[in-house]
Amino acid sequence: MGAVSPRTELGKQIAGEIVMSEDPGATIRKWRTDFDISQTDLAEELEVSSSVISDYESGRRSSPGVAMIEGIVEALISIDERRGGDRIRQYARVLSAGFQSDIVLDLREYTAAVPIDRLYEVIGAEKIVDGEWDRVTGHTVVDSIRAITNLTSEEFFHLYGQSTSRALIFTEISRGESPLVALRVVNPTPNAVVLHGITREELWEHAPRLARMDGYSLAVCTTPIDEMLEGLATLP
């Protein structure tokens, strides 16, 4: 039996998230914005009015049935394909790097270098330490617990995607000790590290010192994950 295509795998992931979500409308909105597709364009693809999409996303209309979910998923992927398939390729890179989507939540390469401060701005992060670099050319969003417990040091390096000139964003953080210690065995280090889920006050006391020693910018972020991913999707 042949391997399942990234297109099919991505479709299954989107549909599964919508079905299992406590707020299906918000999940639809997350994926639509991640694909950079307007409500109008999605509605036209589905041959419905824009108000139908708006009502689903806002919760004014009851949760979509299986047929509508399948239609929305197919519409998102079809529009992406006509635009060149960037989102499908991004997902394919996650798969080709040997990761499951429960470890790597998002992996993107940018079309142009982005100032680190701009990345922090769009996700609502608070910078703790300035690094040696002021720009990144991509990001990887990682479930820190699954990454640390499941990945070897060589696999951990693959989180960098096409370049180490990127931001590694670790979710499921309690203090930040584990991912920062893990990074010490990976060379070179990323340009920026974001610890998601904690405030400055909750940060491991030695984290700033490790960041300065290894030269990367360090930030913390408490923005909800869906909103953070939406913010990242606005970068070029």
Protein backbone atom coordinates (compact mmCIF):
# COMPACT_ATOMS: atom_id res chain seq x y z
CA MET A 1 0.00 0.00 0.00
CA GLY A 2 1.39 3.41 -0.97
CA ALA A 3 2.18 6.17 1.46
CA VAL A 4 -0.61 8.58 2.33
CA SER A 5 -0.07 11.99 0.72
CA PRO A 6 0.52 15.14 2.81
CA ARG A 7 -2.69 16.53 1.27
CA THR A 8 -4.70 13.64 2.68
CA GLU A 9 -2.94 13.70 6.05
CA LEU A 10 -3.47 17.45 6.38
CA GLY A 11 -7.15 17.06 5.52
CA LYS A 12 -7.55 14.40 8.20
CA GLN A 13 -5.85 16.61 10.77
CA ILE A 14 -8.05 19.63 10.03
CA ALA A 15 -11.26 17.58 10.03
CA GLY A 16 -10.27 15.79 13.24
CA GLU A 17 -9.53 19.05 15.04
CA ILE A 18 -12.87 20.55 14.01
CA VAL A 19 -14.83 17.46 15.05
CA MET A 20 -13.08 17.13 18.42
CA SER A 21 -13.01 20.84 19.25
CA GLU A 22 -15.14 22.26 22.05
CA ASP A 23 -15.52 25.32 19.81
CA PRO A 24 -15.69 24.08 16.19
CA GLY A 25 -16.25 27.60 14.86
CA ALA A 26 -13.05 28.89 16.44
CA THR A 27 -11.16 25.92 15.02
CA ILE A 28 -12.51 26.60 11.55
CA ARG A 29 -11.44 30.23 11.90
CA LYS A 30 -7.96 29.16 13.06
CA TRP A 31 -7.41 26.98 9.99
CA ARG A 32 -8.94 29.50 7.59
CA THR A 33 -6.63 32.26 8.84
CA ASP A 34 -3.68 29.87 8.87
CA PHE A 35 -4.33 29.26 5.17
CA ASP A 36 -4.74 33.04 4.71
CA ILE A 37 -8.17 32.56 3.14
CA SER A 38 -10.92 35.14 3.60
CA GLN A 39 -14.45 34.25 4.63
CA THR A 40 -15.58 35.47 1.21
CA ASP A 41 -13.17 33.21 -0.68
CA LEU A 42 -14.09 30.19 1.43
CA ALA A 43 -17.79 30.91 0.97
CA GLU A 44 -17.40 31.20 -2.81
CA GLU A 45 -15.57 27.86 -2.93
CA LEU A 46 -18.41 26.26 -0.96
CA GLU A 47 -21.06 28.12 -2.97
CA VAL A 48 -22.65 29.57 0.16
CA SER A 49 -23.01 33.12 1.43
CA SER A 50 -20.25 34.70 3.54
CA SER A 51 -22.72 34.98 6.40
CA VAL A 52 -22.82 31.18 6.66
CA ILE A 53 -19.07 31.02 7.33
CA SER A 54 -19.31 33.98 9.70
CA ASP A 55 -22.16 32.34 11.61
CA TYR A 56 -20.25 29.06 12.00
CA GLU A 57 -17.10 30.81 13.20
CA SER A 58 -18.93 33.02 15.66
CA GLY A 59 -21.08 30.21 17.04
CA ARG A 60 -24.32 31.81 15.88
CA ARG A 61 -24.99 28.72 13.79
CA SER A 62 -24.91 25.24 15.33
CA SER A 63 -21.83 23.10 14.79
CA PRO A 64 -21.41 22.02 11.15
CA GLY A 65 -22.29 18.46 10.23
CA VAL A 66 -19.92 15.95 8.68
CA ALA A 67 -20.74 16.96 5.11
CA MET A 68 -20.06 20.65 5.80
CA ILE A 69 -16.81 19.87 7.63
CA GLU A 70 -15.65 17.75 4.70
CA GLY A 71 -16.59 20.59 2.35
CA ILE A 72 -14.71 23.18 4.37
CA VAL A 73 -11.58 21.01 4.56
CA GLU A 74 -11.63 20.29 0.83
CA ALA A 75 -12.22 23.97 0.05
CA LEU A 76 -9.27 25.12 2.18
CA ILE A 77 -6.90 22.62 0.60
CA SER A 78 -8.16 23.21 -2.95
CA ILE A 79 -7.72 26.98 -2.63
CA ASP A 80 -4.22 26.42 -1.24
CA GLU A 81 -3.37 24.16 -4.19
CA ARG A 82 -4.50 26.76 -6.71
CA ARG A 83 -2.33 29.35 -4.95
CA GLY A 84 0.74 27.13 -5.21
CA GLY A 85 0.26 24.74 -2.28
CA ASP A 86 2.39 26.58 0.29
CA ARG A 87 0.44 25.31 3.31
CA ILE A 88 0.47 21.72 2.05
CA ARG A 89 4.24 21.93 1.49
CA GLN A 90 4.74 23.26 5.01
CA TYR A 91 2.85 20.30 6.40
CA ALA A 92 4.82 17.97 4.13
CA ARG A 93 8.04 19.33 5.62
CA VAL A 94 6.82 18.35 9.08
CA LEU A 95 6.11 14.85 7.82
CA SER A 96 9.35 14.58 5.86
CA ALA A 97 11.32 15.59 8.95
CA GLY A 98 9.85 12.52 10.61
CA PHE A 99 7.56 14.36 13.03
CA GLN A 100 3.96 13.79 13.95
CA SER A 101 1.68 16.82 14.17
CA ASP A 102 1.29 16.28 17.92
CA ILE A 103 5.01 17.08 18.33
CA VAL A 104 5.46 19.80 15.72
CA LEU A 105 2.38 22.03 15.70
CA ASP A 106 3.67 24.35 12.96
CA LEU A 107 6.80 24.63 10.83
CA ARG A 108 7.29 27.46 8.34
CA GLU A 109 10.00 29.10 6.28
CA TYR A 110 9.49 32.80 5.54
CA THR A 111 9.79 34.43 2.13
CA ALA A 112 11.93 37.17 3.73
CA ALA A 113 13.82 37.59 7.00
CA VAL A 114 11.57 38.88 9.79
CA PRO A 115 12.77 41.02 12.72
CA ILE A 116 12.59 39.00 15.92
CA ASP A 117 10.81 41.89 17.61
CA ARG A 118 8.12 41.71 14.90
CA LEU A 119 7.60 38.00 15.58
CA TYR A 120 7.30 38.73 19.28
CA GLU A 121 4.79 41.48 18.51
CA VAL A 122 2.42 39.33 16.43
CA ILE A 123 2.29 36.59 19.08
CA GLY A 124 2.20 38.89 22.10
CA ALA A 125 5.49 37.64 23.56
CA GLU A 126 7.57 39.44 26.18
CA LYS A 127 11.30 39.55 25.45
CA ILE A 128 13.54 38.52 28.33
CA VAL A 129 16.97 38.47 26.67
CA ASP A 130 18.37 40.03 23.50
CA GLY A 131 20.30 37.60 21.33
CA GLU A 132 23.18 37.89 18.90
CA TRP A 133 20.78 38.01 15.93
CA ASP A 134 17.88 40.36 15.29
CA ARG A 135 16.05 38.40 12.54
CA VAL A 136 14.66 34.96 11.80
CA THR A 137 13.76 33.24 8.54
CA GLY A 138 11.26 30.75 9.93
CA HIS A 139 9.69 29.22 13.01
CA THR A 140 8.87 25.85 14.52
CA VAL A 141 6.17 25.44 17.18
CA VAL A 142 6.93 22.41 19.33
CA ASP A 143 5.11 20.53 22.07
CA SER A 144 8.00 20.60 24.54
CA ILE A 145 6.95 17.57 26.57
CA ARG A 146 6.49 15.28 23.58
CA ALA A 147 9.63 16.59 21.89
CA ILE A 148 11.86 16.09 24.91
CA THR A 149 10.46 12.66 25.78
CA ASN A 150 10.33 11.29 22.22
CA LEU A 151 13.12 12.88 20.17
CA THR A 152 16.80 12.02 20.03
CA SER A 153 19.35 14.86 19.90
CA GLU A 154 19.65 14.33 16.13
CA GLU A 155 15.87 14.48 15.69
CA PHE A 156 15.78 17.55 17.93
CA PHE A 157 18.10 19.28 15.46
CA HIS A 158 15.61 18.55 12.67
CA LEU A 159 13.21 20.96 14.39
CA TYR A 160 15.22 23.68 12.67
CA GLY A 161 13.67 22.80 9.30
CA GLN A 162 15.67 24.39 6.49
CA SER A 163 17.65 26.81 8.66
CA THR A 164 18.79 27.41 12.25
CA SER A 165 18.02 31.10 11.64
CA ARG A 166 14.59 30.67 13.17
CA ALA A 167 12.48 30.84 16.29
CA LEU A 168 11.77 27.69 18.24
CA ILE A 169 8.51 28.11 20.15
CA PHE A 170 8.01 25.56 22.92
CA THR A 171 4.49 24.96 24.27
CA GLU A 172 3.39 23.12 27.43
CA ILE A 173 6.00 24.95 29.49
CA SER A 174 5.96 25.02 33.31
CA ARG A 175 9.31 26.74 33.99
CA GLY A 176 11.38 26.39 30.82
CA GLU A 177 14.18 24.34 32.32
CA SER A 178 13.82 21.18 30.22
CA PRO A 179 13.81 22.66 26.67
CA LEU A 180 16.64 25.09 27.45
CA VAL A 181 18.80 22.33 28.90
CA ALA A 182 17.98 20.15 25.86
CA LEU A 183 19.12 22.95 23.54
CA ARG A 184 22.55 22.88 25.16
CA VAL A 185 23.34 19.59 23.39
CA VAL A 186 22.21 20.87 19.99
CA ASN A 187 24.59 23.00 17.93
CA PRO A 188 24.20 25.55 16.55
CA THR A 189 21.40 27.14 18.58
CA PRO A 190 18.36 28.90 17.07
CA ASN A 191 18.21 32.70 16.78
CA ALA A 192 15.25 32.92 19.15
CA VAL A 193 13.44 30.77 21.70
CA VAL A 194 9.90 31.43 22.95
CA LEU A 195 8.59 29.63 26.03
CA HIS A 196 4.82 29.50 25.72
CA GLY A 197 2.50 29.25 28.69
CA ILE A 198 4.46 31.10 31.38
CA THR A 199 5.07 34.66 32.53
CA ARG A 200 8.37 36.35 33.34
CA GLU A 201 7.75 35.64 37.03
CA GLU A 202 7.25 31.92 36.40
CA LEU A 203 10.38 31.55 34.27
CA TRP A 204 13.19 29.29 35.51
CA GLU A 205 15.69 31.56 37.25
CA HIS A 206 18.67 30.27 35.23
CA ALA A 207 16.96 30.63 31.83
CA PRO A 208 18.24 34.15 31.04
CA ARG A 209 21.83 33.13 31.83
CA LEU A 210 21.65 30.10 29.51
CA ALA A 211 20.19 32.24 26.73
CA ARG A 212 23.02 34.76 27.07
CA MET A 213 25.63 31.99 27.14
CA ASP A 214 24.31 30.48 23.90
CA GLY A 215 23.52 33.81 22.24
CA TYR A 216 19.83 33.44 21.42
CA SER A 217 16.98 35.82 22.13
CA LEU A 218 14.59 34.53 24.80
CA ALA A 219 10.93 35.44 25.29
CA VAL A 220 7.87 34.21 27.16
CA CYS A 221 4.31 34.17 25.86
CA THR A 222 0.88 33.46 27.36
CA THR A 223 -1.25 34.12 24.25
CA PRO A 224 -3.68 31.21 23.63
CA ILE A 225 -2.13 28.75 21.18
CA ASP A 226 -4.76 29.25 18.47
CA GLU A 227 -4.28 33.02 18.60
CA MET A 228 -0.51 32.62 18.57
CA LEU A 229 -0.68 30.44 15.45
CA GLU A 230 -2.98 33.00 13.82
CA GLY A 231 -0.42 35.69 14.57
CA LEU A 232 2.41 33.61 13.10
CA ALA A 233 0.34 33.10 9.94
CA THR A 234 0.50 36.86 9.27
CA LEU A 235 4.29 36.74 8.80
CA PRO A 236 5.53 36.63 5.17
